Amino acid sequence: MAIVVVASCIPWLRHQELFSVLVGITAVALVGFMAHRSFRTLSSWHTLWQSRPAHSKWRIPISRKHLWGWVIVLVLTLTLPHFAMVFGGDYKLAVATAHKSRQFNEALGAPVREGWFSEGKGTLEKPIRSAMLIPVRGKKGKGNLRVQAAKDDGIWRLTKLTLELEGSSKPLDLLSK
């Protein structure tokens, strides 16, 4: 897991097809490991509960291993959706197109970075569509990229890409030439 987290900090590697497969395999392995450990923990708690006197059953000590397990579950719950979105073709296309836009770089001040906790939704019916809100921050300011995309014949196409700057009521259209 640590290797995947460290590798995700390398932008070039993060955009490779093989890396998304590695993240998927790691996620499946971690879910399986957590399910196995949770079953063993519940089993041991049940045995501990049965062996304690009735007057002290309400005080079951929680070990550091169990606390770390819950911390890991919480971290994965918060980060896996982000990485699932970041590795999507629509997200990659939107970010690459925005970074190529002169308006985008001038408004936010280069270098511009994408933030965490992007929002988004999509449909799986043909054609596949997605809508996202990606937080971005640069030297001059911050804002949100509002993205709408459609996937036809396996190729993502942007239908809307606007930059909503903080403190500005008018969004910048990044798709207009």
Protein backbone atom coordinates (compact mmCIF):
# COMPACT_ATOMS: atom_id res chain seq x y z
CA MET A 1 0.00 0.00 0.00
CA ALA A 2 2.82 2.41 0.86
CA ILE A 3 4.39 1.84 -2.57
CA VAL A 4 1.12 2.78 -4.32
CA VAL A 5 0.73 5.93 -2.19
CA VAL A 6 4.32 7.04 -2.84
CA ALA A 7 4.03 6.21 -6.55
CA SER A 8 0.83 8.26 -6.82
CA CYS A 9 2.90 11.35 -5.98
CA ILE A 10 4.76 10.99 -9.30
CA PRO A 11 2.56 12.71 -11.92
CA TRP A 12 3.96 10.81 -14.91
CA LEU A 13 3.42 7.43 -13.26
CA ARG A 14 -0.03 8.38 -12.01
CA HIS A 15 -1.24 8.81 -15.61
CA GLN A 16 -0.05 5.41 -16.86
CA GLU A 17 -2.60 2.68 -17.61
CA LEU A 18 -0.66 0.06 -15.61
CA PHE A 19 -0.78 2.23 -12.48
CA SER A 20 -4.59 2.19 -12.35
CA VAL A 21 -4.48 -1.62 -12.55
CA LEU A 22 -1.96 -1.65 -9.68
CA VAL A 23 -4.22 0.59 -7.59
CA GLY A 24 -7.20 -1.68 -8.31
CA ILE A 25 -5.31 -4.83 -7.34
CA THR A 26 -4.04 -3.14 -4.17
CA ALA A 27 -7.54 -1.98 -3.24
CA VAL A 28 -9.01 -5.47 -3.72
CA ALA A 29 -6.19 -7.02 -1.68
CA LEU A 30 -6.66 -4.48 1.11
CA VAL A 31 -10.42 -5.03 1.25
CA GLY A 32 -9.87 -8.78 1.44
CA PHE A 33 -7.24 -8.37 4.16
CA MET A 34 -9.50 -6.01 6.15
CA ALA A 35 -12.45 -8.39 5.88
CA HIS A 36 -10.29 -11.30 7.05
CA ARG A 37 -8.85 -9.31 9.97
CA SER A 38 -12.29 -8.00 10.94
CA PHE A 39 -13.68 -11.54 11.07
CA ARG A 40 -10.76 -12.70 13.22
CA THR A 41 -11.12 -9.68 15.51
CA LEU A 42 -14.85 -10.21 15.98
CA SER A 43 -14.21 -13.87 16.69
CA SER A 44 -11.60 -13.05 19.33
CA TRP A 45 -13.85 -10.38 20.89
CA HIS A 46 -16.66 -12.93 21.13
CA THR A 47 -14.33 -15.38 22.89
CA LEU A 48 -13.11 -12.60 25.20
CA TRP A 49 -16.69 -11.55 25.93
CA GLN A 50 -17.68 -15.10 26.85
CA SER A 51 -14.73 -15.54 29.23
CA ARG A 52 -15.22 -12.30 31.23
CA PRO A 53 -17.29 -12.17 34.42
CA ALA A 54 -20.79 -10.74 33.98
CA HIS A 55 -20.11 -7.63 36.06
CA SER A 56 -17.17 -6.48 33.86
CA LYS A 57 -18.42 -7.32 30.37
CA TRP A 58 -18.98 -3.69 29.48
CA ARG A 59 -15.22 -2.95 29.67
CA ILE A 60 -13.55 -4.69 26.74
CA PRO A 61 -10.08 -3.27 26.15
CA ILE A 62 -9.36 -2.14 22.60
CA SER A 63 -5.79 -2.78 21.55
CA ARG A 64 -3.61 -0.46 19.49
CA LYS A 65 -3.81 -2.91 16.57
CA HIS A 66 -7.58 -2.52 16.48
CA LEU A 67 -7.34 1.26 16.65
CA TRP A 68 -4.82 1.28 13.79
CA GLY A 69 -7.14 -0.98 11.83
CA TRP A 70 -9.98 1.50 12.18
CA VAL A 71 -7.68 4.40 11.27
CA ILE A 72 -6.67 2.55 8.10
CA VAL A 73 -10.33 1.87 7.25
CA LEU A 74 -11.14 5.57 7.73
CA VAL A 75 -8.21 6.72 5.58
CA LEU A 76 -9.13 4.28 2.80
CA THR A 77 -12.76 5.38 2.94
CA LEU A 78 -11.70 8.98 2.42
CA THR A 79 -9.01 8.42 -0.22
CA LEU A 80 -10.20 5.58 -2.47
CA PRO A 81 -13.06 7.60 -4.04
CA HIS A 82 -10.60 10.40 -4.84
CA PHE A 83 -8.17 8.05 -6.57
CA ALA A 84 -11.02 6.32 -8.41
CA MET A 85 -12.02 9.71 -9.86
CA VAL A 86 -8.46 10.89 -10.59
CA PHE A 87 -7.68 7.80 -12.68
CA GLY A 88 -10.75 8.28 -14.89
CA GLY A 89 -10.29 9.36 -18.49
CA ASP A 90 -12.73 12.25 -18.10
CA TYR A 91 -10.78 13.70 -15.16
CA LYS A 92 -7.46 13.36 -16.98
CA LEU A 93 -8.84 14.98 -20.13
CA ALA A 94 -10.38 17.88 -18.20
CA VAL A 95 -7.22 18.62 -16.23
CA ALA A 96 -4.95 18.34 -19.28
CA THR A 97 -7.21 20.61 -21.34
CA ALA A 98 -7.41 23.18 -18.52
CA HIS A 99 -3.61 23.25 -18.07
CA LYS A 100 -3.18 23.91 -21.81
CA SER A 101 -5.50 26.94 -21.58
CA ARG A 102 -3.79 30.32 -21.30
CA GLN A 103 -6.82 31.77 -19.44
CA PHE A 104 -6.61 29.05 -16.80
CA ASN A 105 -2.92 29.62 -16.05
CA GLU A 106 -3.22 33.42 -16.07
CA ALA A 107 -6.27 33.48 -13.80
CA LEU A 108 -4.83 31.16 -11.14
CA GLY A 109 -1.10 31.75 -11.57
CA ALA A 110 1.16 28.86 -12.55
CA PRO A 111 1.86 26.30 -11.23
CA VAL A 112 -1.74 25.17 -10.74
CA ARG A 113 -2.55 22.08 -8.69
CA GLU A 114 -5.71 20.07 -8.37
CA GLY A 115 -7.14 19.68 -4.88
CA TRP A 116 -8.58 16.72 -3.01
CA PHE A 117 -12.23 15.85 -2.52
CA SER A 118 -13.47 16.43 -6.03
CA GLU A 119 -17.17 15.93 -6.55
CA GLY A 120 -18.71 14.05 -9.39
CA LYS A 121 -21.39 11.81 -10.75
CA GLY A 122 -21.86 9.80 -13.87
CA THR A 123 -24.23 7.63 -15.83
CA LEU A 124 -23.49 4.22 -17.26
CA GLU A 125 -26.11 4.23 -20.00
CA LYS A 126 -25.01 4.94 -23.56
CA PRO A 127 -23.50 7.46 -24.08
CA ILE A 128 -21.67 7.50 -20.75
CA ARG A 129 -21.74 10.97 -19.20
CA SER A 130 -20.02 12.52 -16.22
CA ALA A 131 -20.17 15.81 -14.35
CA MET A 132 -17.41 16.88 -11.95
CA LEU A 133 -16.30 19.76 -9.79
CA ILE A 134 -12.52 19.79 -9.34
CA PRO A 135 -10.95 22.21 -6.84
CA VAL A 136 -7.85 23.96 -8.22
CA ARG A 137 -5.31 26.32 -6.66
CA GLY A 138 -2.52 28.46 -8.10
CA LYS A 139 -0.20 31.25 -6.93
CA LYS A 140 -2.76 33.99 -7.60
CA GLY A 141 -5.93 32.31 -6.36
CA LYS A 142 -8.18 29.31 -6.24
CA GLY A 143 -11.38 28.11 -7.79
CA ASN A 144 -13.23 25.12 -9.21
CA LEU A 145 -13.20 23.45 -12.60
CA ARG A 146 -16.73 22.51 -13.62
CA VAL A 147 -16.60 19.63 -16.10
CA GLN A 148 -19.16 17.83 -18.21
CA ALA A 149 -17.98 15.03 -20.46
CA ALA A 150 -19.39 12.24 -22.60
CA LYS A 151 -17.80 8.98 -23.73
CA ASP A 152 -18.62 7.79 -27.24
CA ASP A 153 -16.94 4.72 -28.75
CA GLY A 154 -14.44 4.57 -25.89
CA ILE A 155 -13.27 8.18 -26.30
CA TRP A 156 -13.98 10.93 -23.76
CA ARG A 157 -15.11 14.29 -25.14
CA LEU A 158 -15.56 17.44 -23.06
CA THR A 159 -18.92 19.16 -23.49
CA LYS A 160 -18.33 21.84 -20.85
CA LEU A 161 -15.20 23.06 -19.07
CA THR A 162 -15.41 26.23 -17.03
CA LEU A 163 -13.29 27.79 -14.30
CA GLU A 164 -15.20 29.34 -11.42
CA LEU A 165 -12.83 31.66 -9.56
CA GLU A 166 -13.39 32.49 -5.91
CA GLY A 167 -14.72 36.01 -5.62
CA SER A 168 -15.85 36.17 -9.25
CA SER A 169 -19.42 35.67 -10.40
CA LYS A 170 -18.59 35.03 -14.06
CA PRO A 171 -17.05 31.65 -14.93
CA LEU A 172 -14.34 31.42 -17.60
CA ASP A 173 -15.17 29.12 -20.51
CA LEU A 174 -11.99 27.12 -21.17
CA LEU A 175 -13.33 25.34 -24.27
CA SER A 176 -13.98 28.46 -26.32
CA LYS A 177 -11.26 29.30 -28.81
